[in-house]
């Protein structure tokens, strides 16, 4: 797993800082899009995925 000449500590920090960027996007629409995105955000919060997201965005109706 490690290449020659690298320590365990160096490799740990290299992999530790490679955190994926997670984004949640809501498409446009109206009231239905807003309710849908709200439900998705609640479900992601219940699964503790929302804590890991870096970006959230909504377009048109889902951004109300």
PDB file of N, CA and C in Angstrom:
ATOM      1  N   UNK A   1       0.819  -1.186   0.000  1.00  0.00           N
ATOM      2  CA  UNK A   1       0.000   0.000   0.000  1.00  0.00           C
ATOM      3  C   UNK A   1       0.870   1.260   0.000  1.00  0.00           C
ATOM      4  N   UNK A   2       1.922   1.281   0.760  1.00  0.00           N
ATOM      5  CA  UNK A   2       2.790   2.446   0.837  1.00  0.00           C
ATOM      6  C   UNK A   2       3.957   2.271  -0.125  1.00  0.00           C
ATOM      7  N   UNK A   3       4.412   3.370  -0.693  1.00  0.00           N
ATOM      8  CA  UNK A   3       5.583   3.295  -1.556  1.00  0.00           C
ATOM      9  C   UNK A   3       6.841   3.349  -0.701  1.00  0.00           C
ATOM     10  N   UNK A   4       7.950   2.943  -1.280  1.00  0.00           N
ATOM     11  CA  UNK A   4       9.215   2.923  -0.536  1.00  0.00           C
ATOM     12  C   UNK A   4       9.607   4.331  -0.118  1.00  0.00           C
ATOM     13  N   UNK A   5      10.085   4.453   1.104  1.00  0.00           N
ATOM     14  CA  UNK A   5      10.583   5.732   1.584  1.00  0.00           C
ATOM     15  C   UNK A   5       9.534   6.617   2.243  1.00  0.00           C
ATOM     16  N   UNK A   6       8.271   6.194   2.269  1.00  0.00           N
ATOM     17  CA  UNK A   6       7.248   7.010   2.931  1.00  0.00           C
ATOM     18  C   UNK A   6       6.896   6.379   4.263  1.00  0.00           C
ATOM     19  N   UNK A   7       6.623   7.208   5.214  1.00  0.00           N
ATOM     20  CA  UNK A   7       6.246   6.703   6.539  1.00  0.00           C
ATOM     21  C   UNK A   7       4.739   6.526   6.610  1.00  0.00           C
ATOM     22  N   UNK A   8       4.312   5.798   7.627  1.00  0.00           N
ATOM     23  CA  UNK A   8       2.879   5.608   7.840  1.00  0.00           C
ATOM     24  C   UNK A   8       2.189   6.930   8.117  1.00  0.00           C
ATOM     25  N   UNK A   9       2.868   7.818   8.846  1.00  0.00           N
ATOM     26  CA  UNK A   9       2.285   9.110   9.203  1.00  0.00           C
ATOM     27  C   UNK A   9       2.049   9.972   7.960  1.00  0.00           C
ATOM     28  N   UNK A  10       2.989   9.978   7.041  1.00  0.00           N
ATOM     29  CA  UNK A  10       2.843  10.758   5.808  1.00  0.00           C
ATOM     30  C   UNK A  10       1.661  10.254   4.992  1.00  0.00           C
ATOM     31  N   UNK A  11       1.545   8.952   4.860  1.00  0.00           N
ATOM     32  CA  UNK A  11       0.452   8.388   4.078  1.00  0.00           C
ATOM     33  C   UNK A  11      -0.892   8.625   4.747  1.00  0.00           C
ATOM     34  N   UNK A  12      -0.930   8.602   6.078  1.00  0.00           N
ATOM     35  CA  UNK A  12      -2.174   8.863   6.788  1.00  0.00           C
ATOM     36  C   UNK A  12      -2.687  10.265   6.473  1.00  0.00           C
ATOM     37  N   UNK A  13      -1.804  11.250   6.561  1.00  0.00           N
ATOM     38  CA  UNK A  13      -2.227  12.618   6.287  1.00  0.00           C
ATOM     39  C   UNK A  13      -2.600  12.810   4.835  1.00  0.00           C
ATOM     40  N   UNK A  14      -1.949  12.115   3.929  1.00  0.00           N
ATOM     41  CA  UNK A  14      -2.276  12.221   2.510  1.00  0.00           C
ATOM     42  C   UNK A  14      -3.686  11.722   2.250  1.00  0.00           C
ATOM     43  N   UNK A  15      -4.054  10.589   2.809  1.00  0.00           N
ATOM     44  CA  UNK A  15      -5.390  10.045   2.589  1.00  0.00           C
ATOM     45  C   UNK A  15      -6.442  10.751   3.433  1.00  0.00           C
ATOM     46  N   UNK A  16      -6.071  11.289   4.575  1.00  0.00           N
ATOM     47  CA  UNK A  16      -7.015  11.974   5.451  1.00  0.00           C
ATOM     48  C   UNK A  16      -7.567  13.229   4.795  1.00  0.00           C
ATOM     49  N   UNK A  17      -6.721  13.947   4.073  1.00  0.00           N
ATOM     50  CA  UNK A  17      -7.157  15.198   3.474  1.00  0.00           C
ATOM     51  C   UNK A  17      -7.792  15.020   2.100  1.00  0.00           C
ATOM     52  N   UNK A  18      -7.958  13.811   1.641  1.00  0.00           N
ATOM     53  CA  UNK A  18      -8.650  13.565   0.382  1.00  0.00           C
ATOM     54  C   UNK A  18     -10.125  13.275   0.666  1.00  0.00           C
ATOM     55  N   UNK A  19     -10.832  14.281   1.086  1.00  0.00           N
ATOM     56  CA  UNK A  19     -12.245  14.160   1.417  1.00  0.00           C
ATOM     57  C   UNK A  19     -13.058  14.499   0.169  1.00  0.00           C
ATOM     58  N   UNK A  20     -14.033  13.671  -0.171  1.00  0.00           N
ATOM     59  CA  UNK A  20     -14.832  13.979  -1.362  1.00  0.00           C
ATOM     60  C   UNK A  20     -15.742  15.181  -1.140  1.00  0.00           C
ATOM     61  N   UNK A  21     -16.011  15.909  -2.181  1.00  0.00           N
ATOM     62  CA  UNK A  21     -16.969  17.014  -2.128  1.00  0.00           C
ATOM     63  C   UNK A  21     -18.344  16.470  -2.493  1.00  0.00           C
ATOM     64  N   UNK A  22     -19.297  16.631  -1.596  1.00  0.00           N
ATOM     65  CA  UNK A  22     -20.656  16.139  -1.815  1.00  0.00           C
ATOM     66  C   UNK A  22     -21.566  17.346  -1.973  1.00  0.00           C
ATOM     67  N   UNK A  23     -22.373  17.329  -3.019  1.00  0.00           N
ATOM     68  CA  UNK A  23     -23.311  18.423  -3.280  1.00  0.00           C
ATOM     69  C   UNK A  23     -24.726  17.862  -3.395  1.00  0.00           C
ATOM     70  N   UNK A  24     -25.691  18.625  -2.910  1.00  0.00           N
ATOM     71  CA  UNK A  24     -27.108  18.284  -3.035  1.00  0.00           C
ATOM     72  C   UNK A  24     -27.749  19.391  -3.860  1.00  0.00           C
ATOM     73  N   UNK A  25     -28.372  19.005  -4.962  1.00  0.00           N
ATOM     74  CA  UNK A  25     -28.963  19.981  -5.880  1.00  0.00           C
ATOM     75  C   UNK A  25     -30.449  19.704  -6.050  1.00  0.00           C
ATOM     76  N   UNK A  26     -31.216  20.776  -6.088  1.00  0.00           N
ATOM     77  CA  UNK A  26     -32.641  20.665  -6.364  1.00  0.00           C
ATOM     78  C   UNK A  26     -32.970  21.357  -7.666  1.00  0.00           C
ATOM     79  N   UNK A  27     -33.745  20.692  -8.509  1.00  0.00           N
ATOM     80  CA  UNK A  27     -34.088  21.292  -9.803  1.00  0.00           C
ATOM     81  C   UNK A  27     -35.266  22.248  -9.653  1.00  0.00           C
ATOM     82  N   UNK A  28     -35.516  22.982 -10.708  1.00  0.00           N
ATOM     83  CA  UNK A  28     -36.578  23.980 -10.689  1.00  0.00           C
ATOM     84  C   UNK A  28     -37.963  23.365 -10.684  1.00  0.00           C
ATOM     85  N   UNK A  29     -38.931  24.204 -10.627  1.00  0.00           N
ATOM     86  CA  UNK A  29     -40.321  23.766 -10.581  1.00  0.00           C
ATOM     87  C   UNK A  29     -41.123  24.744  -9.770  1.00  0.00           C
ATOM     88  N   UNK A  30     -41.924  24.242  -8.914  1.00  0.00           N
ATOM     89  CA  UNK A  30     -42.758  25.092  -8.085  1.00  0.00           C
ATOM     90  C   UNK A  30     -42.838  24.547  -6.678  1.00  0.00           C
ATOM     91  N   UNK A  31     -44.038  24.543  -6.149  1.00  0.00           N
ATOM     92  CA  UNK A  31     -44.259  24.078  -4.782  1.00  0.00           C
ATOM     93  C   UNK A  31     -43.870  22.615  -4.624  1.00  0.00           C
ATOM     94  N   UNK A  32     -44.154  21.819  -5.625  1.00  0.00           N
ATOM     95  CA  UNK A  32     -43.831  20.388  -5.579  1.00  0.00           C
ATOM     96  C   UNK A  32     -42.320  20.164  -5.494  1.00  0.00           C
ATOM     97  N   UNK A  33     -41.541  20.962  -6.224  1.00  0.00           N
ATOM     98  CA  UNK A  33     -40.081  20.854  -6.168  1.00  0.00           C
ATOM     99  C   UNK A  33     -39.560  21.256  -4.799  1.00  0.00           C
ATOM    100  N   UNK A  34     -40.163  22.277  -4.199  1.00  0.00           N
ATOM    101  CA  UNK A  34     -39.757  22.713  -2.866  1.00  0.00           C
ATOM    102  C   UNK A  34     -40.016  21.620  -1.831  1.00  0.00           C
ATOM    103  N   UNK A  35     -41.191  21.014  -1.893  1.00  0.00           N
ATOM    104  CA  UNK A  35     -41.545  19.960  -0.944  1.00  0.00           C
ATOM    105  C   UNK A  35     -40.642  18.740  -1.154  1.00  0.00           C
ATOM    106  N   UNK A  36     -40.337  18.433  -2.401  1.00  0.00           N
ATOM    107  CA  UNK A  36     -39.470  17.299  -2.702  1.00  0.00           C
ATOM    108  C   UNK A  36     -38.067  17.509  -2.153  1.00  0.00           C
ATOM    109  N   UNK A  37     -37.483  18.673  -2.389  1.00  0.00           N
ATOM    110  CA  UNK A  37     -36.149  18.954  -1.876  1.00  0.00           C
ATOM    111  C   UNK A  37     -36.139  18.979  -0.354  1.00  0.00           C
ATOM    112  N   UNK A  38     -37.198  19.481   0.256  1.00  0.00           N
ATOM    113  CA  UNK A  38     -37.281  19.474   1.720  1.00  0.00           C
ATOM    114  C   UNK A  38     -37.283  18.048   2.258  1.00  0.00           C
ATOM    115  N   UNK A  39     -38.022  17.171   1.597  1.00  0.00           N
ATOM    116  CA  UNK A  39     -38.045  15.760   2.000  1.00  0.00           C
ATOM    117  C   UNK A  39     -36.696  15.087   1.830  1.00  0.00           C
ATOM    118  N   UNK A  40     -36.021  15.402   0.735  1.00  0.00           N
ATOM    119  CA  UNK A  40     -34.690  14.837   0.504  1.00  0.00           C
ATOM    120  C   UNK A  40     -33.715  15.318   1.573  1.00  0.00           C
ATOM    121  N   UNK A  41     -33.754  16.607   1.893  1.00  0.00           N
ATOM    122  CA  UNK A  41     -32.855  17.140   2.922  1.00  0.00           C
ATOM    123  C   UNK A  41     -33.127  16.521   4.293  1.00  0.00           C
ATOM    124  N   UNK A  42     -34.388  16.302   4.612  1.00  0.00           N
ATOM    125  CA  UNK A  42     -34.733  15.647   5.888  1.00  0.00           C
ATOM    126  C   UNK A  42     -34.233  14.205   5.924  1.00  0.00           C
ATOM    127  N   UNK A  43     -34.396  13.494   4.814  1.00  0.00           N
ATOM    128  CA  UNK A  43     -33.920  12.108   4.755  1.00  0.00           C
ATOM    129  C   UNK A  43     -32.401  12.038   4.850  1.00  0.00           C
ATOM    130  N   UNK A  44     -31.710  12.955   4.180  1.00  0.00           N
ATOM    131  CA  UNK A  44     -30.250  12.977   4.257  1.00  0.00           C
ATOM    132  C   UNK A  44     -29.777  13.329   5.662  1.00  0.00           C
ATOM    133  N   UNK A  45     -30.530  14.188   6.348  1.00  0.00           N
ATOM    134  CA  UNK A  45     -30.190  14.523   7.731  1.00  0.00           C
ATOM    135  C   UNK A  45     -30.364  13.310   8.636  1.00  0.00           C
ATOM    136  N   UNK A  46     -31.441  12.568   8.437  1.00  0.00           N
ATOM    137  CA  UNK A  46     -31.688  11.377   9.250  1.00  0.00           C
ATOM    138  C   UNK A  46     -30.616  10.311   9.034  1.00  0.00           C
ATOM    139  N   UNK A  47     -30.054  10.246   7.815  1.00  0.00           N
ATOM    140  CA  UNK A  47     -29.001   9.276   7.509  1.00  0.00           C
ATOM    141  C   UNK A  47     -27.606   9.818   7.815  1.00  0.00           C
ATOM    142  N   UNK A  48     -27.518  11.030   8.352  1.00  0.00           N
ATOM    143  CA  UNK A  48     -26.256  11.720   8.674  1.00  0.00           C
ATOM    144  C   UNK A  48     -25.388  11.984   7.448  1.00  0.00           C
ATOM    145  N   UNK A  49     -26.000  12.029   6.286  1.00  0.00           N
ATOM    146  CA  UNK A  49     -25.267  12.367   5.068  1.00  0.00           C
ATOM    147  C   UNK A  49     -25.207  13.881   4.900  1.00  0.00           C
ATOM    148  N   UNK A  50     -26.218  14.582   5.371  1.00  0.00           N
ATOM    149  CA  UNK A  50     -26.254  16.034   5.236  1.00  0.00           C
ATOM    150  C   UNK A  50     -25.100  16.696   5.989  1.00  0.00           C
ATOM    151  N   UNK A  51     -24.632  16.058   7.054  1.00  0.00           N
ATOM    152  CA  UNK A  51     -23.490  16.595   7.797  1.00  0.00           C
ATOM    153  C   UNK A  51     -22.217  16.578   6.966  1.00  0.00           C
ATOM    154  N   UNK A  52     -22.157  15.718   5.977  1.00  0.00           N
ATOM    155  CA  UNK A  52     -20.957  15.577   5.141  1.00  0.00           C
ATOM    156  C   UNK A  52     -21.006  16.409   3.868  1.00  0.00           C
ATOM    157  N   UNK A  53     -22.134  17.026   3.577  1.00  0.00           N
ATOM    158  CA  UNK A  53     -22.246  17.770   2.327  1.00  0.00           C
ATOM    159  C   UNK A  53     -21.502  19.094   2.408  1.00  0.00           C
ATOM    160  N   UNK A  54     -20.879  19.448   1.299  1.00  0.00           N
ATOM    161  CA  UNK A  54     -20.144  20.710   1.220  1.00  0.00           C
ATOM    162  C   UNK A  54     -21.023  21.814   0.618  1.00  0.00           C
ATOM    163  N   UNK A  55     -21.897  21.441  -0.310  1.00  0.00           N
ATOM    164  CA  UNK A  55     -22.693  22.426  -1.047  1.00  0.00           C
ATOM    165  C   UNK A  55     -24.144  21.976  -1.121  1.00  0.00           C
ATOM    166  N   UNK A  56     -25.057  22.928  -0.999  1.00  0.00           N
ATOM    167  CA  UNK A  56     -26.471  22.694  -1.294  1.00  0.00           C
ATOM    168  C   UNK A  56     -26.936  23.828  -2.189  1.00  0.00           C
ATOM    169  N   UNK A  57     -27.761  23.493  -3.156  1.00  0.00           N
ATOM    170  CA  UNK A  57     -28.254  24.505  -4.089  1.00  0.00           C
ATOM    171  C   UNK A  57     -29.641  24.129  -4.574  1.00  0.00           C
ATOM    172  N   UNK A  58     -30.411  25.150  -4.854  1.00  0.00           N
ATOM    173  CA  UNK A  58     -31.733  24.958  -5.425  1.00  0.00           C
ATOM    174  C   UNK A  58     -31.952  25.945  -6.543  1.00  0.00           C
ATOM    175  N   UNK A  59     -32.732  25.558  -7.508  1.00  0.00           N
ATOM    176  CA  UNK A  59     -33.011  26.399  -8.663  1.00  0.00           C
ATOM    177  C   UNK A  59     -34.497  26.642  -8.731  1.00  0.00           C
ATOM    178  N   UNK A  60     -34.896  27.871  -8.886  1.00  0.00           N
ATOM    179  CA  UNK A  60     -36.285  28.272  -9.074  1.00  0.00           C
ATOM    180  C   UNK A  60     -37.133  27.830  -7.880  1.00  0.00           C
ATOM    181  N   UNK A  61     -38.121  26.997  -8.133  1.00  0.00           N
ATOM    182  CA  UNK A  61     -39.091  26.637  -7.098  1.00  0.00           C
ATOM    183  C   UNK A  61     -38.501  25.865  -5.930  1.00  0.00           C
ATOM    184  N   UNK A  62     -37.477  25.073  -6.186  1.00  0.00           N
ATOM    185  CA  UNK A  62     -36.915  24.289  -5.084  1.00  0.00           C
ATOM    186  C   UNK A  62     -36.099  25.136  -4.130  1.00  0.00           C
ATOM    187  N   UNK A  63     -35.824  26.383  -4.495  1.00  0.00           N
ATOM    188  CA  UNK A  63     -35.035  27.269  -3.630  1.00  0.00           C
ATOM    189  C   UNK A  63     -35.930  28.124  -2.719  1.00  0.00           C
ATOM    190  N   UNK A  64     -37.226  27.978  -2.796  1.00  0.00           N
ATOM    191  CA  UNK A  64     -38.105  28.782  -1.961  1.00  0.00           C
ATOM    192  C   UNK A  64     -37.789  28.484  -0.538  1.00  0.00           C
TER     193      UNK A  64
END
